[in-house]
C-alpha atoms as a PDB file:
ATOM      1  CA  UNK A   1     -12.227  -1.784   6.173  1.00  0.00           C
ATOM      2  CA  UNK A   2     -12.073  -5.157   4.229  1.00  0.00           C
ATOM      3  CA  UNK A   3     -11.574  -3.365   0.940  1.00  0.00           C
ATOM      4  CA  UNK A   4      -8.793  -1.287   2.433  1.00  0.00           C
ATOM      5  CA  UNK A   5      -7.189  -4.504   3.824  1.00  0.00           C
ATOM      6  CA  UNK A   6      -7.336  -6.116   0.297  1.00  0.00           C
ATOM      7  CA  UNK A   7      -5.701  -3.023  -1.212  1.00  0.00           C
ATOM      8  CA  UNK A   8      -2.899  -3.151   1.304  1.00  0.00           C
ATOM      9  CA  UNK A   9      -2.353  -6.830   0.611  1.00  0.00           C
ATOM     10  CA  UNK A  10      -2.240  -6.180  -3.103  1.00  0.00           C
ATOM     11  CA  UNK A  11       0.622  -3.717  -2.578  1.00  0.00           C
ATOM     12  CA  UNK A  12       2.390  -6.020  -0.144  1.00  0.00           C
ATOM     13  CA  UNK A  13       1.966  -9.185  -2.179  1.00  0.00           C
ATOM     14  CA  UNK A  14       3.119  -7.384  -5.456  1.00  0.00           C
ATOM     15  CA  UNK A  15      -0.147  -7.721  -7.281  1.00  0.00           C
ATOM     16  CA  UNK A  16      -0.829 -11.331  -6.528  1.00  0.00           C
ATOM     17  CA  UNK A  17      -4.138  -9.915  -5.320  1.00  0.00           C
ATOM     18  CA  UNK A  18      -5.533  -7.438  -7.809  1.00  0.00           C
ATOM     19  CA  UNK A  19      -6.215  -3.766  -6.704  1.00  0.00           C
ATOM     20  CA  UNK A  20      -9.676  -4.134  -8.392  1.00  0.00           C
ATOM     21  CA  UNK A  21     -10.612  -6.680  -5.913  1.00  0.00           C
ATOM     22  CA  UNK A  22      -9.921  -4.298  -3.029  1.00  0.00           C
ATOM     23  CA  UNK A  23     -11.693  -1.416  -4.818  1.00  0.00           C
ATOM     24  CA  UNK A  24     -14.703  -3.617  -5.510  1.00  0.00           C
ATOM     25  CA  UNK A  25     -14.942  -4.712  -1.871  1.00  0.00           C
ATOM     26  CA  UNK A  26     -14.587  -1.220  -0.591  1.00  0.00           C
ATOM     27  CA  UNK A  27     -17.364  -0.005  -2.766  1.00  0.00           C
ATOM     28  CA  UNK A  28     -19.501  -2.833  -1.434  1.00  0.00           C
ATOM     29  CA  UNK A  29     -18.561  -1.933   2.044  1.00  0.00           C
ATOM     30  CA  UNK A  30     -19.669   1.763   1.493  1.00  0.00           C
ATOM     31  CA  UNK A  31     -23.084   0.690   0.368  1.00  0.00           C
ATOM     32  CA  UNK A  32     -23.730  -2.333   2.656  1.00  0.00           C
ATOM     33  CA  UNK A  33     -21.650  -1.586   5.761  1.00  0.00           C
ATOM     34  CA  UNK A  34     -18.637  -3.310   7.348  1.00  0.00           C
ATOM     35  CA  UNK A  35     -20.396  -6.455   8.565  1.00  0.00           C
ATOM     36  CA  UNK A  36     -21.952  -7.132   5.250  1.00  0.00           C
ATOM     37  CA  UNK A  37     -18.688  -6.522   3.417  1.00  0.00           C
ATOM     38  CA  UNK A  38     -16.958  -8.929   5.647  1.00  0.00           C
ATOM     39  CA  UNK A  39     -19.723 -11.449   4.966  1.00  0.00           C
ATOM     40  CA  UNK A  40     -19.347 -10.912   1.253  1.00  0.00           C
ATOM     41  CA  UNK A  41     -15.590 -11.422   1.448  1.00  0.00           C
ATOM     42  CA  UNK A  42     -15.911 -14.552   3.437  1.00  0.00           C
ATOM     43  CA  UNK A  43     -18.573 -16.002   1.096  1.00  0.00           C
ATOM     44  CA  UNK A  44     -16.579 -15.100  -1.934  1.00  0.00           C
ATOM     45  CA  UNK A  45     -13.347 -16.798  -0.509  1.00  0.00           C
ATOM     46  CA  UNK A  46     -15.403 -19.929   0.248  1.00  0.00           C
ATOM     47  CA  UNK A  47     -16.810 -20.062  -3.208  1.00  0.00           C
ATOM     48  CA  UNK A  48     -13.454 -19.395  -4.848  1.00  0.00           C
ATOM     49  CA  UNK A  49     -11.857 -22.099  -2.683  1.00  0.00           C
ATOM     50  CA  UNK A  50     -14.479 -24.585  -3.617  1.00  0.00           C
ATOM     51  CA  UNK A  51     -14.194 -23.845  -7.356  1.00  0.00           C
ATOM     52  CA  UNK A  52     -10.442 -24.248  -7.175  1.00  0.00           C
ATOM     53  CA  UNK A  53     -10.659 -27.432  -5.285  1.00  0.00           C
ATOM     54  CA  UNK A  54     -13.144 -28.934  -7.818  1.00  0.00           C
ATOM     55  CA  UNK A  55     -10.913 -27.810 -10.730  1.00  0.00           C
ATOM     56  CA  UNK A  56      -7.903 -29.358  -9.092  1.00  0.00           C
ATOM     57  CA  UNK A  57      -9.724 -32.760  -8.438  1.00  0.00           C
ATOM     58  CA  UNK A  58     -11.019 -32.833 -11.998  1.00  0.00           C
ATOM     59  CA  UNK A  59      -7.558 -31.941 -13.482  1.00  0.00           C
ATOM     60  CA  UNK A  60      -8.657 -28.757 -15.077  1.00  0.00           C
ATOM     61  CA  UNK A  61      -6.520 -26.593 -12.953  1.00  0.00           C
ATOM     62  CA  UNK A  62      -2.994 -26.789 -11.455  1.00  0.00           C
ATOM     63  CA  UNK A  63      -1.992 -25.692  -8.009  1.00  0.00           C
ATOM     64  CA  UNK A  64      -0.396 -22.435  -9.270  1.00  0.00           C
ATOM     65  CA  UNK A  65      -3.223 -21.250 -11.625  1.00  0.00           C
ATOM     66  CA  UNK A  66      -4.709 -17.895 -11.005  1.00  0.00           C
ATOM     67  CA  UNK A  67      -8.438 -17.117 -11.106  1.00  0.00           C
ATOM     68  CA  UNK A  68     -10.303 -13.800 -11.161  1.00  0.00           C
ATOM     69  CA  UNK A  69     -11.894 -12.922  -7.762  1.00  0.00           C
ATOM     70  CA  UNK A  70     -14.390 -10.204  -8.708  1.00  0.00           C
ATOM     71  CA  UNK A  71     -16.849 -12.598 -10.207  1.00  0.00           C
ATOM     72  CA  UNK A  72     -16.914 -14.376  -6.750  1.00  0.00           C
ATOM     73  CA  UNK A  73     -17.450 -10.962  -5.043  1.00  0.00           C
ATOM     74  CA  UNK A  74     -20.434 -10.212  -7.417  1.00  0.00           C
ATOM     75  CA  UNK A  75     -21.995 -13.654  -6.788  1.00  0.00           C
ATOM     76  CA  UNK A  76     -21.541 -13.280  -3.054  1.00  0.00           C
ATOM     77  CA  UNK A  77     -23.023  -9.818  -3.007  1.00  0.00           C
ATOM     78  CA  UNK A  78     -25.848 -11.127  -5.132  1.00  0.00           C
ATOM     79  CA  UNK A  79     -26.404 -13.975  -2.730  1.00  0.00           C
ATOM     80  CA  UNK A  80     -26.386 -11.621   0.274  1.00  0.00           C
ATOM     81  CA  UNK A  81     -29.007  -9.393  -1.455  1.00  0.00           C
ATOM     82  CA  UNK A  82     -31.227 -12.266  -2.325  1.00  0.00           C
ATOM     83  CA  UNK A  83     -31.163 -13.766   1.144  1.00  0.00           C
ATOM     84  CA  UNK A  84     -31.839 -10.435   2.803  1.00  0.00           C
ATOM     85  CA  UNK A  85     -34.730  -9.772   0.469  1.00  0.00           C
ATOM     86  CA  UNK A  86     -36.220 -13.193   1.078  1.00  0.00           C
ATOM     87  CA  UNK A  87     -35.830 -12.942   4.894  1.00  0.00           C
ATOM     88  CA  UNK A  88     -37.645  -9.653   4.997  1.00  0.00           C
ATOM     89  CA  UNK A  89     -40.789 -10.996   3.246  1.00  0.00           C
END
């Protein structure tokens, strides 16, 4: 579901959100389930927002700069896998 929503947003926003982001999140959702995919998307959005704020504050980024979102999805999925593995020990 979250991946399909990102795909629809990429079509509606004329590629301001890439199709690859939606496909990547849809695949994550297939393997982890809807709840985990939503958690991955939320965590990735928070991480991307923090990086953009830090970049803006330090003067390395401007307000209209674009960044890739897939690395944040990968980091969020990795973080979810690590925390779930540690909690099951």
